[in-house]
Amino acid sequence: GSGNAATSDQSTRYYFAVSPDSLEAVLDRWSQFFIAPTLNYTSIVSSIEAVNNEFLLTLQQDSRRLSALRHYVSAEDSAYHHFSCGNTETLSHPDIRDRLVKFYSTYYKAPDMRLVLLGSQSLDVLQSYSETYFNAVPTGSPTTTTTTTSTEAKPKAVPVGAWDEPFPSNLTGRWITVQ
């Protein structure tokens, strides 16, 4: 099979594809990442290198540059202003493992997560897999709040206070020229 992850400004999605006869065994192993991640230093360094490689590959992309500009012109006290793509410089800290453990214990909780299983198995079997392999994901109070911008918009989860007013009215209505 194959697997990967994608991180946007406000969420991370993990996904994989396997043959139907391997799904249960893979879920058994994969669920442990959310239940009891090892977070060993060698894997952390390897992940930092992978993130840095992606950062270097996208430096010249217009979409990356526009994203960086949006972050730059947002309110300085907003989390949005400070979040962008990581690289070796921003992710290499002597206490990186401790920071990851704290991040995991704060944000990797069942109320903040969604699980989607798609397979050729029946819905009853897929539900059984989700209950069997993901019931041990840590629980607790959600660290997100659901906001909706209109009655037709789908709610989106954001960390409480983290994305408050990244573009207050005094920062809108400006014309920015990029050369």
C-alpha atoms as a PDB file:
ATOM      1  CA  GLY A   1       0.000   0.000   0.000  1.00  0.00           C
ATOM      2  CA  SER A   2       0.879   3.651   0.205  1.00  0.00           C
ATOM      3  CA  GLY A   3       0.324   6.464   2.652  1.00  0.00           C
ATOM      4  CA  ASN A   4       1.097  10.102   3.306  1.00  0.00           C
ATOM      5  CA  ALA A   5      -0.061  13.184   5.154  1.00  0.00           C
ATOM      6  CA  ALA A   6      -0.932  16.751   4.214  1.00  0.00           C
ATOM      7  CA  THR A   7      -0.983  19.755   6.510  1.00  0.00           C
ATOM      8  CA  SER A   8      -2.878  22.951   5.790  1.00  0.00           C
ATOM      9  CA  ASP A   9      -3.135  26.081   7.914  1.00  0.00           C
ATOM     10  CA  GLN A  10      -5.674  24.521  10.257  1.00  0.00           C
ATOM     11  CA  SER A  11      -5.577  20.757   9.915  1.00  0.00           C
ATOM     12  CA  THR A  12      -3.528  17.698   9.057  1.00  0.00           C
ATOM     13  CA  ARG A  13      -4.890  14.787   7.066  1.00  0.00           C
ATOM     14  CA  TYR A  14      -3.347  11.330   7.169  1.00  0.00           C
ATOM     15  CA  TYR A  15      -4.311   8.842   4.501  1.00  0.00           C
ATOM     16  CA  PHE A  16      -3.340   5.516   3.041  1.00  0.00           C
ATOM     17  CA  ALA A  17      -4.448   2.983   0.451  1.00  0.00           C
ATOM     18  CA  VAL A  18      -4.109  -0.789   0.816  1.00  0.00           C
ATOM     19  CA  SER A  19      -5.643  -3.875  -0.699  1.00  0.00           C
ATOM     20  CA  PRO A  20      -8.978  -4.798   0.914  1.00  0.00           C
ATOM     21  CA  ASP A  21      -7.601  -7.970   2.474  1.00  0.00           C
ATOM     22  CA  SER A  22      -4.910  -5.922   4.282  1.00  0.00           C
ATOM     23  CA  LEU A  23      -7.164  -3.186   5.677  1.00  0.00           C
ATOM     24  CA  GLU A  24      -7.779  -4.649   9.135  1.00  0.00           C
ATOM     25  CA  ALA A  25      -4.111  -5.449   9.788  1.00  0.00           C
ATOM     26  CA  VAL A  26      -3.055  -1.985   8.603  1.00  0.00           C
ATOM     27  CA  LEU A  27      -5.686  -0.284  10.786  1.00  0.00           C
ATOM     28  CA  ASP A  28      -4.403  -2.260  13.762  1.00  0.00           C
ATOM     29  CA  ARG A  29      -0.885  -0.856  13.218  1.00  0.00           C
ATOM     30  CA  TRP A  30      -1.878   2.596  11.946  1.00  0.00           C
ATOM     31  CA  SER A  31      -4.216   3.351  14.859  1.00  0.00           C
ATOM     32  CA  GLN A  32      -1.241   3.095  17.225  1.00  0.00           C
ATOM     33  CA  PHE A  33       0.131   6.309  15.738  1.00  0.00           C
ATOM     34  CA  PHE A  34      -2.878   8.123  17.235  1.00  0.00           C
ATOM     35  CA  ILE A  35      -3.072   6.062  20.418  1.00  0.00           C
ATOM     36  CA  ALA A  36       0.557   5.749  21.532  1.00  0.00           C
ATOM     37  CA  PRO A  37       3.038   7.301  19.094  1.00  0.00           C
ATOM     38  CA  THR A  38       6.647   6.358  19.766  1.00  0.00           C
ATOM     39  CA  LEU A  39       8.017   9.761  18.739  1.00  0.00           C
ATOM     40  CA  ASN A  40      11.556   8.412  18.698  1.00  0.00           C
ATOM     41  CA  TYR A  41      14.294  10.891  17.894  1.00  0.00           C
ATOM     42  CA  THR A  42      15.470   9.147  14.702  1.00  0.00           C
ATOM     43  CA  SER A  43      11.962   9.281  13.211  1.00  0.00           C
ATOM     44  CA  ILE A  44      11.579  12.917  14.250  1.00  0.00           C
ATOM     45  CA  VAL A  45      14.826  13.886  12.491  1.00  0.00           C
ATOM     46  CA  SER A  46      13.762  11.937   9.407  1.00  0.00           C
ATOM     47  CA  SER A  47      10.406  13.748   9.370  1.00  0.00           C
ATOM     48  CA  ILE A  48      12.094  17.137   9.750  1.00  0.00           C
ATOM     49  CA  GLU A  49      14.274  16.320   6.741  1.00  0.00           C
ATOM     50  CA  ALA A  50      11.191  15.319   4.713  1.00  0.00           C
ATOM     51  CA  VAL A  51       9.396  18.551   5.659  1.00  0.00           C
ATOM     52  CA  ASN A  52      12.500  20.564   4.753  1.00  0.00           C
ATOM     53  CA  ASN A  53      12.739  18.833   1.361  1.00  0.00           C
ATOM     54  CA  GLU A  54       9.105  19.725   0.612  1.00  0.00           C
ATOM     55  CA  PHE A  55       9.776  23.302   1.750  1.00  0.00           C
ATOM     56  CA  LEU A  56      12.758  23.588  -0.614  1.00  0.00           C
ATOM     57  CA  LEU A  57      10.810  22.099  -3.531  1.00  0.00           C
ATOM     58  CA  THR A  58       7.996  24.639  -3.201  1.00  0.00           C
ATOM     59  CA  LEU A  59       9.979  27.822  -2.546  1.00  0.00           C
ATOM     60  CA  GLN A  60       9.552  29.080  -6.109  1.00  0.00           C
ATOM     61  CA  GLN A  61       5.866  28.177  -6.470  1.00  0.00           C
ATOM     62  CA  ASP A  62       3.501  31.126  -6.786  1.00  0.00           C
ATOM     63  CA  SER A  63       0.963  29.488  -4.485  1.00  0.00           C
ATOM     64  CA  ARG A  64       3.606  29.184  -1.745  1.00  0.00           C
ATOM     65  CA  ARG A  65       4.615  32.816  -2.205  1.00  0.00           C
ATOM     66  CA  LEU A  66       0.993  34.018  -2.035  1.00  0.00           C
ATOM     67  CA  SER A  67       0.441  31.969   1.102  1.00  0.00           C
ATOM     68  CA  ALA A  68       3.563  33.504   2.685  1.00  0.00           C
ATOM     69  CA  LEU A  69       2.295  36.968   1.749  1.00  0.00           C
ATOM     70  CA  ARG A  70      -1.108  36.312   3.367  1.00  0.00           C
ATOM     71  CA  HIS A  71       0.645  35.225   6.546  1.00  0.00           C
ATOM     72  CA  TYR A  72       2.967  38.239   6.451  1.00  0.00           C
ATOM     73  CA  VAL A  73       0.182  40.831   6.119  1.00  0.00           C
ATOM     74  CA  SER A  74      -2.075  39.246   8.747  1.00  0.00           C
ATOM     75  CA  ALA A  75      -2.312  40.569  12.301  1.00  0.00           C
ATOM     76  CA  GLU A  76       0.993  39.987  14.113  1.00  0.00           C
ATOM     77  CA  ASP A  77      -0.745  38.693  17.252  1.00  0.00           C
ATOM     78  CA  SER A  78      -2.690  36.081  15.281  1.00  0.00           C
ATOM     79  CA  ALA A  79      -1.464  32.470  15.124  1.00  0.00           C
ATOM     80  CA  TYR A  80      -2.091  32.705  11.381  1.00  0.00           C
ATOM     81  CA  HIS A  81       0.715  35.299  11.116  1.00  0.00           C
ATOM     82  CA  HIS A  82       3.233  32.865  12.583  1.00  0.00           C
ATOM     83  CA  PHE A  83       2.194  29.590  10.962  1.00  0.00           C
ATOM     84  CA  SER A  84       3.667  28.558   7.668  1.00  0.00           C
ATOM     85  CA  CYS A  85       5.631  25.692   6.204  1.00  0.00           C
ATOM     86  CA  GLY A  86       8.289  24.348   8.516  1.00  0.00           C
ATOM     87  CA  ASN A  87      11.884  23.703   7.557  1.00  0.00           C
ATOM     88  CA  THR A  88      15.079  22.556   9.237  1.00  0.00           C
ATOM     89  CA  GLU A  89      15.637  26.000  10.756  1.00  0.00           C
ATOM     90  CA  THR A  90      12.169  26.320  12.302  1.00  0.00           C
ATOM     91  CA  LEU A  91      11.842  22.702  13.434  1.00  0.00           C
ATOM     92  CA  SER A  92      15.300  21.935  14.826  1.00  0.00           C
ATOM     93  CA  HIS A  93      15.134  22.469  18.573  1.00  0.00           C
ATOM     94  CA  PRO A  94      17.100  20.612  21.257  1.00  0.00           C
ATOM     95  CA  ASP A  95      13.803  19.819  22.992  1.00  0.00           C
ATOM     96  CA  ILE A  96      11.860  18.934  19.820  1.00  0.00           C
ATOM     97  CA  ARG A  97      10.685  15.584  21.180  1.00  0.00           C
ATOM     98  CA  ASP A  98       9.336  17.208  24.353  1.00  0.00           C
ATOM     99  CA  ARG A  99       7.509  19.777  22.213  1.00  0.00           C
ATOM    100  CA  LEU A 100       5.991  17.037  20.066  1.00  0.00           C
ATOM    101  CA  VAL A 101       4.852  15.066  23.112  1.00  0.00           C
ATOM    102  CA  LYS A 102       3.172  18.214  24.477  1.00  0.00           C
ATOM    103  CA  PHE A 103       1.569  18.949  21.085  1.00  0.00           C
ATOM    104  CA  TYR A 104       0.323  15.358  20.845  1.00  0.00           C
ATOM    105  CA  SER A 105      -1.176  15.378  24.337  1.00  0.00           C
ATOM    106  CA  THR A 106      -2.874  18.726  23.657  1.00  0.00           C
ATOM    107  CA  TYR A 107      -4.298  18.204  20.174  1.00  0.00           C
ATOM    108  CA  TYR A 108      -4.443  14.483  19.366  1.00  0.00           C
ATOM    109  CA  LYS A 109      -7.699  13.745  21.163  1.00  0.00           C
ATOM    110  CA  ALA A 110     -10.770  11.988  19.818  1.00  0.00           C
ATOM    111  CA  PRO A 111     -13.058  15.062  20.030  1.00  0.00           C
ATOM    112  CA  ASP A 112     -10.677  16.958  17.713  1.00  0.00           C
ATOM    113  CA  MET A 113     -10.321  14.173  15.151  1.00  0.00           C
ATOM    114  CA  ARG A 114     -12.387  12.628  12.392  1.00  0.00           C
ATOM    115  CA  LEU A 115     -11.941   9.141  10.968  1.00  0.00           C
ATOM    116  CA  VAL A 116     -13.122   8.139   7.521  1.00  0.00           C
ATOM    117  CA  LEU A 117     -12.857   4.546   6.367  1.00  0.00           C
ATOM    118  CA  LEU A 118     -13.566   3.626   2.778  1.00  0.00           C
ATOM    119  CA  GLY A 119     -13.388   0.017   1.758  1.00  0.00           C
ATOM    120  CA  SER A 120     -15.114  -2.796  -0.044  1.00  0.00           C
ATOM    121  CA  GLN A 121     -16.151  -4.226   3.334  1.00  0.00           C
ATOM    122  CA  SER A 122     -19.710  -3.709   4.569  1.00  0.00           C
ATOM    123  CA  LEU A 123     -20.536  -0.649   6.655  1.00  0.00           C
ATOM    124  CA  ASP A 124     -20.978  -2.907   9.684  1.00  0.00           C
ATOM    125  CA  VAL A 125     -17.473  -4.313   9.230  1.00  0.00           C
ATOM    126  CA  LEU A 126     -15.929  -0.846   8.706  1.00  0.00           C
ATOM    127  CA  GLN A 127     -17.717   0.427  11.821  1.00  0.00           C
ATOM    128  CA  SER A 128     -16.428  -2.557  13.754  1.00  0.00           C
ATOM    129  CA  TYR A 129     -12.875  -1.772  12.600  1.00  0.00           C
ATOM    130  CA  SER A 130     -13.198   1.853  13.699  1.00  0.00           C
ATOM    131  CA  GLU A 131     -14.503   0.854  17.130  1.00  0.00           C
ATOM    132  CA  THR A 132     -11.961  -1.924  17.595  1.00  0.00           C
ATOM    133  CA  TYR A 133      -8.864  -0.012  16.560  1.00  0.00           C
ATOM    134  CA  PHE A 134      -9.645   3.622  17.391  1.00  0.00           C
ATOM    135  CA  ASN A 135     -11.610   3.473  20.660  1.00  0.00           C
ATOM    136  CA  ALA A 136      -8.334   3.858  22.565  1.00  0.00           C
ATOM    137  CA  VAL A 137      -7.535   7.260  21.002  1.00  0.00           C
ATOM    138  CA  PRO A 138      -7.178   9.634  23.974  1.00  0.00           C
ATOM    139  CA  THR A 139     -10.333  11.491  24.944  1.00  0.00           C
ATOM    140  CA  GLY A 140     -10.833  14.787  26.705  1.00  0.00           C
ATOM    141  CA  SER A 141     -12.265  18.208  26.077  1.00  0.00           C
ATOM    142  CA  PRO A 142     -11.992  19.428  22.494  1.00  0.00           C
ATOM    143  CA  THR A 143      -9.334  22.041  21.816  1.00  0.00           C
ATOM    144  CA  THR A 144     -11.330  23.418  18.899  1.00  0.00           C
ATOM    145  CA  THR A 145     -14.439  25.430  18.456  1.00  0.00           C
ATOM    146  CA  THR A 146     -16.780  25.139  15.498  1.00  0.00           C
ATOM    147  CA  THR A 147     -17.496  28.329  13.620  1.00  0.00           C
ATOM    148  CA  THR A 148     -19.783  28.926  10.688  1.00  0.00           C
ATOM    149  CA  THR A 149     -19.629  31.998   8.478  1.00  0.00           C
ATOM    150  CA  SER A 150     -23.056  31.488   6.894  1.00  0.00           C
ATOM    151  CA  THR A 151     -26.007  29.143   7.150  1.00  0.00           C
ATOM    152  CA  GLU A 152     -24.853  27.389   3.989  1.00  0.00           C
ATOM    153  CA  ALA A 153     -21.173  27.135   4.893  1.00  0.00           C
ATOM    154  CA  LYS A 154     -19.824  23.951   6.359  1.00  0.00           C
ATOM    155  CA  PRO A 155     -18.507  24.453   9.901  1.00  0.00           C
ATOM    156  CA  LYS A 156     -14.756  24.379  10.255  1.00  0.00           C
ATOM    157  CA  ALA A 157     -12.831  23.609  13.405  1.00  0.00           C
ATOM    158  CA  VAL A 158     -10.156  26.011  14.585  1.00  0.00           C
ATOM    159  CA  PRO A 159      -8.128  26.068  17.802  1.00  0.00           C
ATOM    160  CA  VAL A 160      -9.836  28.309  20.333  1.00  0.00           C
ATOM    161  CA  GLY A 161      -8.354  31.790  20.042  1.00  0.00           C
ATOM    162  CA  ALA A 162      -5.611  30.729  17.646  1.00  0.00           C
ATOM    163  CA  TRP A 163      -7.106  32.180  14.472  1.00  0.00           C
ATOM    164  CA  ASP A 164      -9.051  35.107  15.962  1.00  0.00           C
ATOM    165  CA  GLU A 165      -9.157  38.001  13.531  1.00  0.00           C
ATOM    166  CA  PRO A 166      -6.084  37.335  11.359  1.00  0.00           C
ATOM    167  CA  PHE A 167      -7.358  40.139   9.100  1.00  0.00           C
ATOM    168  CA  PRO A 168      -9.065  42.823  11.219  1.00  0.00           C
ATOM    169  CA  SER A 169     -10.593  45.762   9.330  1.00  0.00           C
ATOM    170  CA  ASN A 170      -7.469  47.935   9.728  1.00  0.00           C
ATOM    171  CA  LEU A 171      -5.521  45.355   7.678  1.00  0.00           C
ATOM    172  CA  THR A 172      -8.017  44.997   4.841  1.00  0.00           C
ATOM    173  CA  GLY A 173      -8.557  47.173   1.797  1.00  0.00           C
ATOM    174  CA  ARG A 174      -4.858  47.579   1.031  1.00  0.00           C
ATOM    175  CA  TRP A 175      -3.300  47.116  -2.377  1.00  0.00           C
ATOM    176  CA  ILE A 176      -0.060  45.128  -2.262  1.00  0.00           C
ATOM    177  CA  THR A 177       2.321  44.922  -5.189  1.00  0.00           C
ATOM    178  CA  VAL A 178       4.739  42.010  -5.306  1.00  0.00           C
ATOM    179  CA  GLN A 179       7.707  42.205  -7.639  1.00  0.00           C
END
